[in-house]
Amino acid sequence: MKVYRFAVHPEEDDYLFLECLNDPKLYTQARSMDEALVMARDVIDTMYGVKGVLIELVIPPDVTTKYERRQKLQMVNRKKHGNRKLAVSAR
């Protein structure tokens, strides 16, 4: 079974750009890591008609999830306002 590796790069508009390391002609974008996996499978199926391939997402350390960004924001707010719990919404 063939393995396709996609490098994940964050874009300025909160999208993730995925480029296939095996084949530079394959690329796509996604809004989340879950969607990145779906989109990577979709582009392989669309271009080559191959289903059931293994996907590896190569994720640099500067890619963060919404959960990580929300946690970081909460930590900053706690330091600013003491240890009180604050309602925080992060997008």
C-alpha atoms as a PDB file:
ATOM      1  CA  MET A   1       0.000   0.000   0.000  1.00  0.00           C
ATOM      2  CA  LYS A   2       1.347   3.392  -0.973  1.00  0.00           C
ATOM      3  CA  VAL A   3       1.909   6.105   1.633  1.00  0.00           C
ATOM      4  CA  TYR A   4       1.336   9.740   0.703  1.00  0.00           C
ATOM      5  CA  ARG A   5       3.001  12.372   2.884  1.00  0.00           C
ATOM      6  CA  PHE A   6       1.590  15.883   3.029  1.00  0.00           C
ATOM      7  CA  ALA A   7       3.428  18.821   4.578  1.00  0.00           C
ATOM      8  CA  VAL A   8       1.037  21.121   6.419  1.00  0.00           C
ATOM      9  CA  HIS A   9       1.763  24.860   6.238  1.00  0.00           C
ATOM     10  CA  PRO A  10      -0.317  27.498   8.057  1.00  0.00           C
ATOM     11  CA  GLU A  11      -1.658  30.337   5.938  1.00  0.00           C
ATOM     12  CA  GLU A  12      -2.407  33.871   7.137  1.00  0.00           C
ATOM     13  CA  ASP A  13      -6.175  33.478   6.716  1.00  0.00           C
ATOM     14  CA  ASP A  14      -6.392  30.534   9.178  1.00  0.00           C
ATOM     15  CA  TYR A  15      -6.295  27.969   6.379  1.00  0.00           C
ATOM     16  CA  LEU A  16      -3.797  25.145   6.194  1.00  0.00           C
ATOM     17  CA  PHE A  17      -2.002  24.553   2.893  1.00  0.00           C
ATOM     18  CA  LEU A  18      -1.154  20.904   2.254  1.00  0.00           C
ATOM     19  CA  GLU A  19       1.475  19.924  -0.290  1.00  0.00           C
ATOM     20  CA  CYS A  20       2.245  16.327  -1.131  1.00  0.00           C
ATOM     21  CA  LEU A  21       5.898  15.508  -0.571  1.00  0.00           C
ATOM     22  CA  ASN A  22       5.670  12.448  -2.848  1.00  0.00           C
ATOM     23  CA  ASP A  23       4.161  14.321  -5.789  1.00  0.00           C
ATOM     24  CA  PRO A  24       4.445  18.138  -6.003  1.00  0.00           C
ATOM     25  CA  LYS A  25       1.457  18.261  -8.379  1.00  0.00           C
ATOM     26  CA  LEU A  26      -0.843  17.334  -5.479  1.00  0.00           C
ATOM     27  CA  TYR A  27      -1.885  20.081  -3.093  1.00  0.00           C
ATOM     28  CA  THR A  28      -5.010  21.243  -1.311  1.00  0.00           C
ATOM     29  CA  GLN A  29      -6.113  23.398   1.607  1.00  0.00           C
ATOM     30  CA  ALA A  30      -8.209  22.917   4.730  1.00  0.00           C
ATOM     31  CA  ARG A  31      -9.514  24.834   7.723  1.00  0.00           C
ATOM     32  CA  SER A  32      -8.712  22.199  10.374  1.00  0.00           C
ATOM     33  CA  MET A  33      -6.540  19.141  10.863  1.00  0.00           C
ATOM     34  CA  ASP A  34      -9.590  16.885  10.531  1.00  0.00           C
ATOM     35  CA  GLU A  35     -10.497  18.503   7.246  1.00  0.00           C
ATOM     36  CA  ALA A  36      -6.849  18.270   6.128  1.00  0.00           C
ATOM     37  CA  LEU A  37      -6.979  14.489   6.309  1.00  0.00           C
ATOM     38  CA  VAL A  38     -10.240  14.369   4.355  1.00  0.00           C
ATOM     39  CA  MET A  39      -8.941  16.791   1.724  1.00  0.00           C
ATOM     40  CA  ALA A  40      -5.656  14.874   1.318  1.00  0.00           C
ATOM     41  CA  ARG A  41      -7.572  11.650   0.688  1.00  0.00           C
ATOM     42  CA  ASP A  42      -9.915  13.454  -1.682  1.00  0.00           C
ATOM     43  CA  VAL A  43      -7.156  14.956  -3.834  1.00  0.00           C
ATOM     44  CA  ILE A  44      -5.482  11.549  -4.225  1.00  0.00           C
ATOM     45  CA  ASP A  45      -8.791   9.927  -5.140  1.00  0.00           C
ATOM     46  CA  THR A  46      -9.629  12.731  -7.576  1.00  0.00           C
ATOM     47  CA  MET A  47      -6.252  12.819  -9.313  1.00  0.00           C
ATOM     48  CA  TYR A  48      -5.420   9.115  -9.380  1.00  0.00           C
ATOM     49  CA  GLY A  49      -8.658   7.290  -8.595  1.00  0.00           C
ATOM     50  CA  VAL A  50      -6.942   5.507  -5.707  1.00  0.00           C
ATOM     51  CA  LYS A  51      -8.842   4.804  -2.489  1.00  0.00           C
ATOM     52  CA  GLY A  52      -7.607   3.381   0.799  1.00  0.00           C
ATOM     53  CA  VAL A  53      -4.138   4.932   0.770  1.00  0.00           C
ATOM     54  CA  LEU A  54      -2.164   5.732   3.894  1.00  0.00           C
ATOM     55  CA  ILE A  55      -1.850   9.448   4.621  1.00  0.00           C
ATOM     56  CA  GLU A  56       0.866  10.983   6.766  1.00  0.00           C
ATOM     57  CA  LEU A  57       0.552  14.619   7.731  1.00  0.00           C
ATOM     58  CA  VAL A  58       3.937  16.225   8.371  1.00  0.00           C
ATOM     59  CA  ILE A  59       3.176  19.020  10.807  1.00  0.00           C
ATOM     60  CA  PRO A  60       5.739  21.723  11.607  1.00  0.00           C
ATOM     61  CA  PRO A  61       5.873  22.993  15.201  1.00  0.00           C
ATOM     62  CA  ASP A  62       4.346  26.379  14.258  1.00  0.00           C
ATOM     63  CA  VAL A  63       1.002  24.793  13.322  1.00  0.00           C
ATOM     64  CA  THR A  64      -1.414  25.084  16.239  1.00  0.00           C
ATOM     65  CA  THR A  65      -4.934  23.850  16.751  1.00  0.00           C
ATOM     66  CA  LYS A  66      -7.896  25.970  17.859  1.00  0.00           C
ATOM     67  CA  TYR A  67      -7.719  24.156  21.191  1.00  0.00           C
ATOM     68  CA  GLU A  68      -4.064  25.182  21.679  1.00  0.00           C
ATOM     69  CA  ARG A  69      -4.812  28.807  20.740  1.00  0.00           C
ATOM     70  CA  ARG A  70      -7.779  28.884  23.141  1.00  0.00           C
ATOM     71  CA  GLN A  71      -5.662  27.417  25.973  1.00  0.00           C
ATOM     72  CA  LYS A  72      -2.923  29.983  25.363  1.00  0.00           C
ATOM     73  CA  LEU A  73      -5.467  32.825  25.400  1.00  0.00           C
ATOM     74  CA  GLN A  74      -6.941  31.548  28.658  1.00  0.00           C
ATOM     75  CA  MET A  75      -3.482  31.421  30.260  1.00  0.00           C
ATOM     76  CA  VAL A  76      -2.776  35.007  29.188  1.00  0.00           C
ATOM     77  CA  ASN A  77      -6.135  36.162  30.584  1.00  0.00           C
ATOM     78  CA  ARG A  78      -5.549  34.343  33.876  1.00  0.00           C
ATOM     79  CA  LYS A  79      -2.167  36.011  34.290  1.00  0.00           C
ATOM     80  CA  LYS A  80      -3.735  39.367  33.492  1.00  0.00           C
ATOM     81  CA  HIS A  81      -6.772  39.005  35.770  1.00  0.00           C
ATOM     82  CA  GLY A  82      -5.532  36.628  38.456  1.00  0.00           C
ATOM     83  CA  ASN A  83      -6.701  33.034  38.662  1.00  0.00           C
ATOM     84  CA  ARG A  84     -10.407  33.814  38.134  1.00  0.00           C
ATOM     85  CA  LYS A  85     -12.080  31.764  35.448  1.00  0.00           C
ATOM     86  CA  LEU A  86     -13.078  33.893  32.489  1.00  0.00           C
ATOM     87  CA  ALA A  87     -15.351  33.110  29.571  1.00  0.00           C
ATOM     88  CA  VAL A  88     -13.153  33.219  26.484  1.00  0.00           C
ATOM     89  CA  SER A  89     -14.068  32.665  22.896  1.00  0.00           C
ATOM     90  CA  ALA A  90     -11.274  32.130  20.366  1.00  0.00           C
ATOM     91  CA  ARG A  91     -11.640  31.959  16.623  1.00  0.00           C
END
